[in-house]
Protein backbone atom coordinates (compact mmCIF):
# COMPACT_ATOMS: atom_id res chain seq x y z
CA MET A 1 14.33 -8.56 130.68
CA LYS A 2 12.08 -11.22 132.08
CA GLU A 3 9.15 -10.28 129.50
CA LEU A 4 11.42 -10.75 126.62
CA LYS A 5 12.04 -14.77 127.53
CA HIS A 6 9.02 -15.39 125.51
CA LEU A 7 11.23 -14.56 122.40
CA ASN A 8 13.77 -17.44 123.30
CA LYS A 9 11.80 -20.04 121.37
CA TYR A 10 12.41 -18.01 118.25
CA PHE A 11 15.99 -17.37 119.10
CA LYS A 12 16.39 -21.07 118.91
CA LYS A 13 14.32 -21.53 115.74
CA TYR A 14 16.58 -19.18 113.87
CA TRP A 15 19.77 -20.06 116.02
CA LEU A 16 21.97 -20.97 112.98
CA LYS A 17 21.08 -17.40 111.05
CA LEU A 18 22.12 -15.45 114.23
CA PHE A 19 25.14 -17.59 115.01
CA MET A 20 26.21 -16.86 111.29
CA GLY A 21 25.35 -13.03 111.79
CA ILE A 22 27.17 -12.62 115.06
CA LEU A 23 30.20 -14.62 113.42
CA ILE A 24 30.20 -12.23 110.48
CA THR A 25 29.85 -9.11 112.77
CA ILE A 26 33.19 -10.33 114.96
CA ILE A 27 35.02 -10.65 111.52
CA ALA A 28 33.64 -7.32 110.10
CA ARG A 29 34.83 -5.50 113.35
CA VAL A 30 38.36 -7.49 113.47
CA PHE A 31 38.86 -6.07 109.64
CA SER A 32 38.13 -2.82 111.02
CA LEU A 33 40.88 -2.98 113.78
CA ILE A 34 43.70 -3.48 111.28
CA MET A 35 43.66 0.40 110.34
CA PRO A 36 45.06 2.11 113.65
CA SER A 37 47.91 -0.24 113.93
CA TYR A 38 49.00 0.36 110.31
CA VAL A 39 48.61 4.37 110.86
CA ASN A 40 50.55 3.68 113.77
CA LYS A 41 53.27 1.74 111.57
CA SER A 42 52.90 4.31 108.98
CA ILE A 43 53.92 7.25 111.35
CA GLN A 44 56.85 5.23 112.56
CA THR A 45 58.17 4.84 109.09
CA VAL A 46 58.03 8.41 108.36
CA GLU A 47 59.75 8.88 111.74
CA ALA A 48 62.30 6.53 110.73
CA PHE A 49 62.69 8.28 107.43
CA LEU A 50 63.21 11.81 109.25
CA ALA A 51 65.80 9.80 111.55
CA ASN A 52 67.58 8.74 108.34
CA ASN A 53 67.15 4.95 109.57
CA ILE A 54 65.50 4.05 106.17
CA SER A 55 66.02 5.50 102.72
CA ILE A 56 63.03 7.36 100.69
CA SER A 57 62.39 4.25 98.34
CA GLY A 58 62.24 1.77 101.57
CA ALA A 59 59.99 4.27 103.10
CA LYS A 60 57.80 4.84 99.96
CA GLU A 61 57.51 1.09 99.56
CA LEU A 62 56.32 0.29 102.99
CA LEU A 63 54.00 3.27 103.16
CA PHE A 64 52.41 1.83 100.05
CA GLU A 65 52.11 -1.59 101.39
CA TYR A 66 50.41 -0.24 104.54
CA ILE A 67 48.06 1.80 102.44
CA LEU A 68 47.01 -1.37 100.49
CA ILE A 69 46.47 -2.90 103.51
CA ILE A 70 44.40 -0.39 105.32
CA LEU A 71 42.07 -0.15 101.95
CA GLY A 72 41.65 -3.89 101.73
CA ALA A 73 40.86 -4.24 105.43
CA ALA A 74 38.34 -1.15 104.83
CA ILE A 75 36.63 -3.15 101.74
CA LEU A 76 36.50 -6.68 103.72
CA SER A 77 34.94 -4.74 106.70
CA GLY A 78 32.18 -2.99 104.63
CA LEU A 79 31.55 -6.26 103.03
CA PHE A 80 31.11 -8.11 106.10
CA THR A 81 29.16 -5.30 107.64
CA PHE A 82 26.92 -5.51 104.52
CA LEU A 83 26.31 -9.29 105.22
CA MET A 84 26.03 -8.74 108.70
CA ARG A 85 22.93 -6.58 108.22
CA GLN A 86 21.59 -8.89 105.75
CA THR A 87 21.59 -11.85 108.23
CA ILE A 88 20.52 -10.29 111.49
CA ILE A 89 17.99 -7.91 110.11
CA ASN A 90 16.44 -10.52 107.84
CA VAL A 91 16.13 -12.59 111.17
CA SER A 92 14.28 -9.84 113.01
CA ARG A 93 11.66 -9.90 110.09
CA TYR A 94 11.15 -13.66 110.30
CA ILE A 95 10.60 -13.23 114.14
CA GLU A 96 8.16 -10.30 113.68
CA TYR A 97 6.40 -12.26 111.10
CA ASP A 98 6.00 -15.41 113.50
CA LEU A 99 4.98 -13.28 116.39
CA LYS A 100 2.08 -11.39 114.56
CA ASN A 101 0.87 -14.84 113.58
CA GLU A 102 1.22 -15.89 117.06
CA VAL A 103 -0.71 -13.24 118.65
CA PHE A 104 -3.38 -13.08 115.62
CA ASP A 105 -3.87 -16.77 116.09
CA HIS A 106 -4.32 -16.41 119.62
CA TYR A 107 -6.87 -13.56 119.13
CA GLN A 108 -8.91 -15.86 117.16
CA LEU A 109 -8.92 -18.40 120.03
CA LEU A 110 -10.06 -16.09 122.59
CA ASN A 111 -13.94 -16.21 123.30
CA LEU A 112 -16.39 -13.18 122.79
CA ASN A 113 -16.34 -11.77 126.12
CA PHE A 114 -12.44 -10.89 125.69
CA TYR A 115 -13.32 -8.86 122.95
CA LYS A 116 -16.07 -7.13 125.13
CA LYS A 117 -13.67 -6.24 127.50
CA ASN A 118 -10.92 -4.83 125.04
CA ARG A 119 -11.17 -2.33 122.38
CA ILE A 120 -10.10 -2.93 118.80
CA GLY A 121 -7.78 0.10 118.95
CA ASP A 122 -5.75 -1.59 121.71
CA LEU A 123 -5.59 -5.02 119.98
CA MET A 124 -4.66 -3.50 116.90
CA ASN A 125 -1.77 -1.38 118.47
CA ARG A 126 -0.42 -4.50 120.41
CA ILE A 127 -0.19 -6.40 117.15
CA SER A 128 1.37 -3.51 115.09
CA GLU A 129 3.04 -0.91 116.96
CA ASP A 130 4.32 -3.11 120.01
CA ILE A 131 5.84 -5.99 117.89
CA ASN A 132 7.32 -3.35 115.81
CA GLN A 133 9.04 -2.29 119.04
CA VAL A 134 10.06 -5.95 120.00
CA ARG A 135 11.38 -6.33 116.38
CA MET A 136 13.81 -3.33 117.14
CA TYR A 137 15.19 -5.67 119.99
CA VAL A 138 15.55 -8.97 118.11
CA GLY A 139 17.36 -7.13 115.19
CA PRO A 140 19.17 -4.05 115.30
CA ALA A 141 19.66 -4.28 119.35
CA ILE A 142 21.50 -7.65 118.74
CA MET A 143 23.27 -6.34 115.65
CA TYR A 144 24.77 -3.31 117.19
CA GLY A 145 24.90 -4.78 120.80
CA MET A 146 27.30 -7.59 119.32
CA ASN A 147 29.19 -4.76 117.41
CA THR A 148 29.61 -3.00 120.53
CA LEU A 149 30.91 -5.86 122.63
CA THR A 150 33.25 -7.00 119.94
CA MET A 151 34.69 -3.45 119.64
CA PHE A 152 35.26 -3.60 123.49
CA ALA A 153 36.53 -6.88 123.66
CA CYS A 154 39.21 -6.10 120.94
CA ILE A 155 40.46 -2.51 121.36
CA ILE A 156 40.62 -2.50 125.08
CA PRO A 157 43.12 -5.29 125.40
CA LEU A 158 45.11 -4.02 122.41
CA MET A 159 45.35 -0.40 124.26
CA PHE A 160 46.55 -1.96 127.35
CA ILE A 161 49.03 -4.04 125.66
CA LYS A 162 50.47 -1.27 123.78
CA ALA A 163 50.26 1.39 126.73
CA PRO A 164 48.83 0.24 129.83
CA SER A 165 49.10 3.78 131.70
CA LEU A 166 47.67 5.73 128.80
CA ALA A 167 44.83 3.07 128.16
CA ALA A 168 43.82 3.30 131.86
CA TYR A 169 43.61 7.07 131.75
CA THR A 170 41.96 7.01 128.51
CA LEU A 171 39.11 4.63 129.75
CA ILE A 172 38.36 6.24 133.08
CA PRO A 173 35.05 7.98 131.81
CA LEU A 174 33.48 4.76 130.90
CA PRO A 175 32.78 3.45 134.45
CA VAL A 176 30.98 6.77 134.85
CA LEU A 177 29.04 6.23 131.80
CA SER A 178 27.86 2.77 132.93
CA VAL A 179 26.45 4.28 136.11
CA LEU A 180 24.65 7.11 134.35
CA ILE A 181 23.13 4.46 131.73
CA TYR A 182 21.82 2.30 134.36
CA GLN A 183 20.10 5.29 136.05
CA ILE A 184 18.63 6.69 133.07
CA SER A 185 17.35 3.14 131.84
CA LYS A 186 15.14 2.86 134.57
CA ILE A 187 13.16 6.24 133.86
CA ILE A 188 13.18 5.09 130.10
CA HIS A 189 11.51 1.84 131.02
CA LYS A 190 8.58 3.52 133.17
CA ARG A 191 8.26 6.44 130.38
CA SER A 192 8.13 3.81 127.40
CA THR A 193 5.36 2.03 129.18
CA LYS A 194 3.56 5.27 129.32
CA VAL A 195 4.03 5.90 125.54
CA GLN A 196 2.84 2.64 124.49
CA GLU A 197 -0.19 2.71 126.64
CA PHE A 198 -1.06 6.14 124.89
CA LEU A 199 -0.70 4.87 121.52
CA SER A 200 -3.46 2.21 122.33
CA THR A 201 -6.03 4.79 123.60
CA LEU A 202 -5.09 7.10 120.40
CA SER A 203 -5.51 3.93 117.96
CA THR A 204 -8.88 3.19 119.85
CA PHE A 205 -10.21 6.52 119.58
CA THR A 206 -9.28 7.24 115.91
CA GLN A 207 -10.63 3.73 115.02
CA GLU A 208 -13.83 4.35 116.94
CA SER A 209 -14.22 7.90 115.29
CA PHE A 210 -13.87 6.47 111.85
CA SER A 211 -16.35 3.75 112.35
CA GLY A 212 -18.92 5.94 113.95
CA VAL A 213 -18.30 8.85 111.30
CA ALA A 214 -21.84 8.77 110.11
CA VAL A 215 -23.40 9.20 113.59
CA ILE A 216 -20.72 11.91 114.29
CA LYS A 217 -21.76 13.82 111.07
CA ALA A 218 -25.35 13.13 111.87
CA TYR A 219 -25.15 14.81 115.20
CA THR A 220 -22.69 17.46 114.27
CA LEU A 221 -20.11 16.29 116.71
CA GLU A 222 -17.14 17.15 114.66
CA PRO A 223 -16.24 20.23 117.24
CA ASN A 224 -16.39 17.98 120.09
CA ILE A 225 -14.49 15.05 118.52
CA ASN A 226 -11.64 17.65 117.31
CA LYS A 227 -11.52 18.95 121.08
CA GLU A 228 -11.21 15.15 122.38
CA LEU A 229 -8.43 14.73 119.63
CA GLU A 230 -6.61 17.91 120.55
CA GLY A 231 -6.58 16.83 124.34
CA LEU A 232 -5.43 13.35 123.64
CA ALA A 233 -2.60 14.98 121.25
CA VAL A 234 -1.61 17.28 124.24
CA ASP A 235 -1.29 14.28 126.32
CA GLY A 236 0.52 12.37 123.93
CA LYS A 237 2.98 15.09 123.20
CA ASN A 238 3.67 15.54 126.98
CA THR A 239 4.19 11.60 127.24
CA SER A 240 6.57 11.38 124.52
CA MET A 241 8.36 14.55 125.69
CA ASP A 242 8.97 13.10 129.08
CA LEU A 243 10.54 10.24 127.39
CA ALA A 244 12.49 12.25 124.47
CA LYS A 245 13.89 14.37 127.52
CA VAL A 246 15.17 11.58 129.11
CA ASN A 247 16.76 10.04 125.72
CA ALA A 248 18.27 13.61 124.99
CA TRP A 249 20.84 13.03 127.72
CA PHE A 250 22.51 9.84 126.17
CA PHE A 251 24.22 11.30 122.93
CA PRO A 252 25.52 14.59 124.56
CA LEU A 253 26.86 12.66 127.66
CA MET A 254 28.26 10.16 125.35
CA ILE A 255 30.10 12.71 123.18
CA LEU A 256 31.28 14.72 126.22
CA LEU A 257 32.90 11.69 127.76
CA ILE A 258 34.63 10.65 124.64
CA GLY A 259 35.88 14.13 124.09
CA ILE A 260 37.44 13.91 127.58
CA SER A 261 39.05 10.60 126.66
CA ASN A 262 40.46 12.25 123.60
CA ILE A 263 41.86 14.98 125.72
CA PHE A 264 43.47 12.38 127.98
CA VAL A 265 45.12 10.61 125.02
CA ILE A 266 46.42 13.77 123.56
CA TYR A 267 47.66 15.24 127.25
CA ILE A 268 48.76 11.95 128.90
CA GLY A 269 50.29 10.86 125.79
CA GLY A 270 52.29 13.76 124.56
CA LYS A 271 53.70 13.97 128.31
CA GLN A 272 54.70 10.11 127.81
CA TYR A 273 56.13 10.77 124.47
CA ILE A 274 58.14 13.92 126.11
CA SER A 275 59.46 11.85 128.87
CA GLY A 276 60.24 8.59 126.73
CA GLU A 277 57.71 6.41 128.17
CA ILE A 278 56.37 5.68 124.71
CA GLU A 279 58.64 5.43 121.71
CA SER A 280 56.60 6.83 118.84
CA ILE A 281 54.00 9.57 118.46
CA GLY A 282 52.07 7.21 116.23
CA ILE A 283 51.06 5.42 119.52
CA ILE A 284 49.08 8.85 120.26
CA ALA A 285 47.81 8.71 116.85
CA GLU A 286 46.64 4.84 117.06
CA PHE A 287 44.77 5.46 120.47
CA ILE A 288 43.07 8.58 119.06
CA LEU A 289 41.50 6.11 116.22
CA TYR A 290 40.74 3.68 118.95
CA VAL A 291 39.08 5.93 120.96
CA ASN A 292 37.10 7.47 118.13
CA MET A 293 36.37 4.20 116.98
CA LEU A 294 34.70 3.45 120.36
CA THR A 295 32.73 6.63 120.11
CA TRP A 296 29.74 5.10 118.27
CA PRO A 297 29.64 1.92 120.32
CA VAL A 298 29.84 3.93 123.48
CA ALA A 299 27.08 6.29 122.01
CA ILE A 300 24.92 3.20 120.88
CA VAL A 301 24.98 1.76 124.41
CA GLY A 302 22.34 4.50 125.34
CA TRP A 303 20.20 3.70 122.12
CA LEU A 304 20.47 0.09 122.86
CA THR A 305 19.28 0.48 126.16
CA SER A 306 16.42 2.67 125.15
CA ILE A 307 15.38 -0.11 122.74
CA ILE A 308 15.61 -2.78 125.15
CA GLN A 309 13.58 -1.06 127.54
CA ARG A 310 10.90 -0.20 124.96
CA ALA A 311 10.69 -3.60 123.74
CA GLU A 312 10.49 -4.90 127.46
CA ALA A 313 7.66 -2.66 127.85
CA SER A 314 5.87 -3.95 124.40
CA GLN A 315 6.52 -7.37 125.17
CA LYS A 316 4.87 -7.04 128.57
CA ARG A 317 1.94 -5.72 127.01
CA ILE A 318 1.86 -8.54 124.32
CA ASN A 319 2.15 -11.21 126.86
CA GLU A 320 -0.74 -9.89 128.96
CA PHE A 321 -2.89 -10.97 125.89
CA LEU A 322 -0.98 -14.23 125.02
CA LYS A 323 -1.54 -15.47 128.97
CA GLU A 324 -5.42 -14.95 128.23
CA GLU A 325 -6.79 -18.47 128.24
CA PRO A 326 -9.64 -19.06 126.04
CA SER A 327 -12.50 -20.09 127.85
CA ILE A 328 -14.09 -21.95 124.81
CA LYS A 329 -11.52 -24.95 124.36
CA ASN A 330 -11.52 -27.60 121.53
CA GLU A 331 -11.53 -30.73 123.88
CA VAL A 332 -11.80 -33.35 120.83
CA ALA A 333 -9.15 -33.72 118.07
CA GLN A 334 -10.98 -36.19 116.04
CA ILE A 335 -13.62 -35.32 113.60
CA THR A 336 -17.23 -35.36 114.93
CA PRO A 337 -19.78 -35.26 111.99
CA VAL A 338 -23.08 -33.67 112.89
CA THR A 339 -26.59 -34.39 111.51
CA GLY A 340 -28.54 -31.69 113.19
CA ASN A 341 -30.75 -33.08 116.26
CA ILE A 342 -30.33 -30.49 119.06
CA GLU A 343 -31.64 -30.77 122.62
CA PHE A 344 -31.30 -28.12 125.37
CA LYS A 345 -31.84 -29.61 128.90
CA ASN A 346 -32.29 -27.29 131.67
CA VAL A 347 -30.04 -24.67 130.52
CA THR A 348 -29.46 -21.53 132.50
CA PHE A 349 -26.94 -19.08 131.12
CA THR A 350 -25.55 -15.73 132.95
CA TYR A 351 -23.44 -13.25 131.01
CA ASP A 352 -19.92 -12.85 132.90
CA ASP A 353 -19.59 -9.02 131.81
CA THR A 354 -22.90 -7.91 132.85
CA ASN A 355 -24.10 -10.61 135.33
CA ILE A 356 -27.27 -10.74 133.48
CA THR A 357 -28.93 -14.21 133.27
CA ALA A 358 -30.29 -14.47 129.99
CA LEU A 359 -31.75 -17.99 129.84
CA LYS A 360 -33.21 -19.72 132.86
CA ASN A 361 -33.85 -23.52 132.90
CA VAL A 362 -34.70 -23.58 129.05
CA SER A 363 -35.61 -27.14 127.79
CA PHE A 364 -36.54 -28.00 124.11
CA ASN A 365 -35.93 -30.55 121.39
CA ILE A 366 -35.27 -30.28 117.71
CA LYS A 367 -35.26 -33.16 115.36
CA ALA A 368 -32.50 -32.86 112.43
CA GLY A 369 -34.30 -31.14 109.36
CA GLU A 370 -36.83 -29.32 111.48
CA THR A 371 -37.48 -25.57 111.35
CA VAL A 372 -37.90 -23.92 114.70
CA ALA A 373 -38.73 -20.22 115.41
CA PHE A 374 -37.93 -18.22 118.64
CA LEU A 375 -40.13 -15.28 119.24
CA GLY A 376 -40.16 -12.83 122.21
CA LYS A 377 -39.38 -9.33 123.28
CA THR A 378 -35.86 -7.55 123.21
CA GLY A 379 -33.81 -9.26 125.79
CA SER A 380 -35.77 -12.54 126.17
CA GLY A 381 -32.86 -14.92 125.31
CA LYS A 382 -33.26 -15.52 121.80
CA SER A 383 -29.94 -14.54 120.49
CA THR A 384 -28.52 -16.33 123.21
CA ILE A 385 -29.87 -19.76 122.32
CA LEU A 386 -28.09 -19.26 118.90
CA ASP A 387 -24.90 -18.40 120.60
CA LEU A 388 -24.92 -21.28 122.63
CA MET A 389 -25.72 -23.34 119.67
CA ALA A 390 -22.45 -22.17 117.98
CA ARG A 391 -20.62 -22.63 121.27
CA LEU A 392 -19.70 -19.15 121.14
CA TYR A 393 -20.17 -19.46 125.15
CA ASP A 394 -20.74 -22.44 127.13
CA VAL A 395 -23.89 -22.80 129.58
CA SER A 396 -23.75 -21.70 133.20
CA SER A 397 -25.60 -24.79 134.06
CA GLY A 398 -27.82 -27.51 132.24
CA GLU A 399 -26.62 -29.33 128.90
CA VAL A 400 -26.62 -28.51 125.04
CA LEU A 401 -26.65 -31.80 123.18
CA ILE A 402 -26.24 -32.17 119.51
CA ASP A 403 -27.26 -35.56 118.04
CA GLY A 404 -27.22 -36.60 121.65
CA THR A 405 -23.76 -35.76 122.66
CA PRO A 406 -22.78 -32.99 125.19
CA ILE A 407 -21.80 -29.98 122.74
CA GLN A 408 -18.23 -29.64 124.58
CA LYS A 409 -17.53 -33.48 123.62
CA LEU A 410 -17.70 -32.40 119.90
CA ASN A 411 -14.72 -31.13 117.70
CA LEU A 412 -15.04 -27.42 117.74
CA ASP A 413 -14.19 -27.14 114.18
CA SER A 414 -16.56 -29.81 113.01
CA LEU A 415 -19.50 -28.10 114.85
CA ARG A 416 -18.96 -24.77 113.33
CA SER A 417 -18.39 -25.71 109.94
CA SER A 418 -21.78 -27.64 109.92
CA ILE A 419 -23.56 -24.36 110.84
CA GLY A 420 -24.34 -21.58 108.60
CA ALA A 421 -24.90 -18.61 110.60
CA VAL A 422 -26.57 -15.27 109.88
CA PRO A 423 -26.12 -12.62 112.63
CA GLN A 424 -28.50 -10.04 113.49
CA ASP A 425 -25.84 -7.26 112.59
CA ALA A 426 -24.55 -8.39 109.00
CA PHE A 427 -20.80 -8.00 109.15
CA LEU A 428 -19.31 -7.75 105.41
CA PHE A 429 -15.48 -7.25 104.95
CA SER A 430 -13.97 -4.57 102.85
CA ASP A 431 -13.72 -6.50 99.70
CA THR A 432 -15.89 -7.58 96.52
CA ILE A 433 -19.35 -8.98 96.79
CA GLU A 434 -18.40 -12.00 95.21
CA ASN A 435 -15.77 -12.75 97.83
CA ASN A 436 -17.79 -11.78 100.76
CA ILE A 437 -20.48 -14.39 99.58
CA ARG A 438 -17.49 -16.73 98.77
CA PHE A 439 -16.60 -16.58 102.35
CA GLY A 440 -19.10 -19.21 102.93
CA ASN A 441 -17.43 -21.73 100.75
CA GLU A 442 -13.96 -20.42 99.14
CA ASN A 443 -14.19 -23.31 96.59
CA ALA A 444 -17.69 -22.37 95.22
CA SER A 445 -17.98 -21.45 91.56
CA PHE A 446 -19.37 -17.98 90.20
CA ASP A 447 -22.42 -19.89 89.20
CA GLU A 448 -23.04 -20.96 92.52
CA ILE A 449 -22.63 -17.72 93.96
CA VAL A 450 -25.12 -16.10 91.63
CA ALA A 451 -27.56 -18.90 92.25
CA VAL A 452 -27.23 -18.37 96.13
CA ALA A 453 -27.64 -14.45 95.39
CA LYS A 454 -30.95 -15.12 93.44
CA LYS A 455 -32.43 -17.22 96.46
CA ALA A 456 -31.44 -14.33 98.87
CA VAL A 457 -33.11 -11.96 96.66
CA VAL A 458 -30.16 -9.92 96.16
CA HIS A 459 -28.84 -10.78 92.64
CA GLN A 460 -30.88 -7.99 90.94
CA ASN A 461 -29.59 -5.46 93.31
CA ILE A 462 -26.09 -6.40 92.60
CA GLU A 463 -26.44 -6.50 88.81
CA GLY A 464 -27.47 -3.01 89.21
CA PHE A 465 -23.92 -1.75 90.64
CA ALA A 466 -21.37 -0.59 87.68
CA LYS A 467 -19.04 -3.39 88.55
CA LYS A 468 -21.86 -6.14 89.62
CA TYR A 469 -20.30 -8.68 91.73
CA ASP A 470 -16.68 -7.08 91.59
CA THR A 471 -18.02 -4.11 93.61
CA ILE A 472 -15.77 -3.22 96.38
CA LEU A 473 -17.59 -2.72 99.62
CA GLY A 474 -16.56 -0.18 102.16
CA GLU A 475 -15.47 -0.87 105.78
CA ARG A 476 -18.42 -3.24 107.35
CA GLY A 477 -20.18 -3.13 103.92
CA ILE A 478 -21.09 0.36 104.53
CA THR A 479 -21.59 0.45 100.72
CA LEU A 480 -24.89 -1.35 100.98
CA SER A 481 -27.90 -0.82 102.69
CA GLY A 482 -29.29 -2.63 105.64
CA GLY A 483 -31.49 -4.81 103.74
CA GLN A 484 -28.91 -5.66 101.21
CA LYS A 485 -26.29 -6.59 103.72
CA GLN A 486 -28.67 -8.88 105.36
CA ARG A 487 -29.46 -10.49 102.12
CA VAL A 488 -25.83 -10.70 101.09
CA SER A 489 -25.05 -12.40 104.41
CA ILE A 490 -28.10 -14.81 103.73
CA ALA A 491 -26.46 -15.86 100.58
CA ARG A 492 -23.09 -16.33 102.35
CA ALA A 493 -24.76 -18.86 104.57
CA LEU A 494 -26.72 -20.56 101.83
CA LEU A 495 -23.52 -21.14 99.81
CA LYS A 496 -22.02 -23.02 102.92
CA ASP A 497 -24.74 -25.64 102.65
CA PRO A 498 -24.48 -26.58 106.30
CA LYS A 499 -26.44 -29.02 108.40
CA ILE A 500 -27.67 -26.27 110.78
CA TYR A 501 -29.04 -22.81 109.80
CA LEU A 502 -29.09 -19.96 112.52
CA PHE A 503 -30.87 -17.11 111.43
CA ASP A 504 -30.67 -14.28 113.94
CA ASP A 505 -33.55 -11.75 113.00
CA CYS A 506 -31.59 -11.79 109.41
CA LEU A 507 -34.74 -10.21 107.66
CA SER A 508 -35.54 -7.13 110.11
CA ALA A 509 -34.33 -4.64 107.29
CA VAL A 510 -36.10 -6.30 104.38
CA ASP A 511 -39.83 -4.92 103.40
CA THR A 512 -42.58 -7.60 103.79
CA GLU A 513 -42.92 -9.01 99.92
CA THR A 514 -38.95 -9.50 99.74
CA GLU A 515 -39.22 -11.16 103.25
CA GLU A 516 -42.08 -13.44 101.82
CA GLU A 517 -40.02 -14.33 98.74
CA ILE A 518 -36.69 -15.15 100.74
CA LEU A 519 -38.73 -17.42 103.24
CA ASN A 520 -40.14 -19.47 100.33
CA ASN A 521 -36.68 -19.91 98.75
CA LEU A 522 -35.49 -20.94 102.50
CA LYS A 523 -38.03 -23.21 102.92
CA GLN A 524 -36.88 -25.05 99.82
CA VAL A 525 -33.28 -24.85 100.63
CA SER A 526 -33.45 -25.87 104.30
CA HIS A 527 -36.40 -28.77 103.85
CA SER A 528 -33.52 -31.30 105.02
CA ARG A 529 -31.52 -29.02 107.24
CA THR A 530 -32.04 -28.18 110.81
CA THR A 531 -33.11 -24.45 111.03
CA LEU A 532 -33.43 -22.01 113.88
CA ILE A 533 -35.07 -18.59 113.30
CA VAL A 534 -34.73 -15.70 115.74
CA SER A 535 -37.43 -13.06 114.54
CA HIS A 536 -39.51 -10.38 115.97
CA ARG A 537 -42.10 -10.83 112.92
CA VAL A 538 -44.77 -13.68 112.87
CA SER A 539 -44.51 -13.66 109.09
CA SER A 540 -41.12 -15.17 109.84
CA ALA A 541 -42.18 -17.88 112.11
CA LYS A 542 -45.67 -18.84 111.03
CA ASN A 543 -44.34 -21.73 108.61
CA ALA A 544 -42.07 -23.26 111.23
CA ASP A 545 -42.69 -26.86 112.38
CA LYS A 546 -42.40 -25.29 116.00
CA ILE A 547 -42.50 -21.87 117.43
CA ILE A 548 -40.83 -21.26 120.84
CA VAL A 549 -42.02 -17.87 122.41
CA LEU A 550 -39.50 -16.69 125.26
CA GLU A 551 -40.09 -14.06 128.01
CA SER A 552 -37.14 -12.81 130.49
CA GLY A 553 -35.07 -15.87 129.48
CA GLU A 554 -38.01 -18.40 130.17
CA ILE A 555 -40.18 -20.50 127.55
CA ILE A 556 -43.78 -19.16 127.90
CA GLN A 557 -45.50 -20.94 124.72
CA GLU A 558 -44.53 -23.46 122.34
CA GLY A 559 -46.31 -25.09 119.59
CA THR A 560 -47.11 -24.58 115.51
CA HIS A 561 -48.61 -21.42 114.25
CA GLU A 562 -52.29 -22.96 114.36
CA GLN A 563 -52.08 -24.29 118.10
CA LEU A 564 -50.65 -20.99 119.42
CA ASN A 565 -52.99 -18.90 117.27
CA ASN A 566 -55.97 -20.83 118.74
CA ILE A 567 -55.08 -19.63 122.56
CA GLU A 568 -54.57 -16.51 124.43
CA GLY A 569 -51.39 -15.34 125.04
CA TYR A 570 -48.31 -13.27 123.58
CA TYR A 571 -48.25 -14.99 120.05
CA LYS A 572 -52.00 -14.70 119.22
CA GLU A 573 -51.23 -11.07 120.29
CA LEU A 574 -48.44 -10.40 118.43
CA TYR A 575 -50.07 -12.14 115.27
CA LEU A 576 -53.12 -9.89 115.55
CA ASN A 577 -51.03 -6.87 115.98
CA GLN A 578 -49.04 -7.42 112.84
CA LEU A 579 -51.87 -8.47 111.05
CA SER A 580 -53.55 -5.17 111.44
CA GLU A 581 -50.43 -3.21 110.87
CA LYS A 582 -49.81 -4.91 107.48
CA GLU A 583 -53.44 -4.43 106.33
């Protein structure tokens, strides 16, 4: 159970509630133990009456008293059992809540490389299904475990006190049960791990299928996807059946062994009663009740073992991600204001996952308030510059400086809160259009949202929808066209009103007339803001204060539109080609 040690901090946090729950569990079980002894006393009273040792009125009076005690004990036991569930199960929900938050917070700290290496379905499964398995350990397993221990601790000594030899015969099956449980538990642990791994695979497959449903339909891949899912379903069935076959041994074995114990009680107890070793047949009835009271605790041992093994397997998977150290760390605690001066000094950057060197010894300087455009072919390193600016990655060599300070020595939250980024692939949440724009500034008024939507030239499109700004977008903004998604994303960045704008080819899906209108609006908005524009179009770059042309991760040209258009090279060739296309 070494992986489950991670949960100790939560047990410490809720120790008082857990202690109260355990105490209530013990009290509930103690009250439940009153019944067998008073059943014994009731039988002895009947025996005394039959032997003429007590009058009928005295027998009735005693039996009525014993019945009231049994009923009272049962009611109190039920009440404390209810309180036990309310206490311990509630704690398990609190721990589930805390653990989900811990995992989710850690997910947000991890860098982009982590998300490139791990599938979304697997991440989702670990924060949902795996944590649910762990919750069963911190709740039901503890509750029933304490219940079982209390019953064993109370009943077995009582049995030995009242009839030692009969108790010894009755409990013979228990060591056999312990050995069987130990052997089966090892198998369960291995098979539980396989089941959880399969669930991650299934979650990933279904998530990707639903996200890519448009492509699947366009290429009529439904039969192939169904066939793959059928294969996964068969694998899942076989994996789950392997686990179920082992689990299926538990309850039959428990019932068999308890049945054997009952036979021992009746046979051995009967012989001892006949021979006079035990005085009353009530002892046999009491022992039968004790054995049957042990039936559920003994049977639950197998279930508890299964829960613990599943929780161990799930917590191990959770810990694998919790042990992942984020490569991008916030090294500075105090707030560090940003004005917008940017400098790249001999920056080289290589992606870990592909080993592709995206930038090679790149150097440039951007003053606060300047607009700089980056042009180049696909894969030339344009977007990488913006990623390094937002410190989504750290450089392999060289330095990125903001206001003369190395970017690693800036407070990460201060840096990113001063940046308004519009990615190449605009991401919108499954929420209203208003809330998607408000994501840039949660305190913004509706009038401010409308104002930035107009600047992003998307207001008229929104007004055309039936519910306007209250229109709920589909997953990843599928309700909108590509150009509309880009413009909503631009509006979101404008609403943030940051010191630095990062526009990553964010007008690629917009027609030239709309692009011109948006660029004019952006020029007015960003006149005092540092603006970096990545584009494949000269029209997006020609009004910039400086244009930097990249090729294979190196700067090949740098200057204004007029300067670069007067010399032979990539920029002039691109400008002439796009001008002729426009004409």
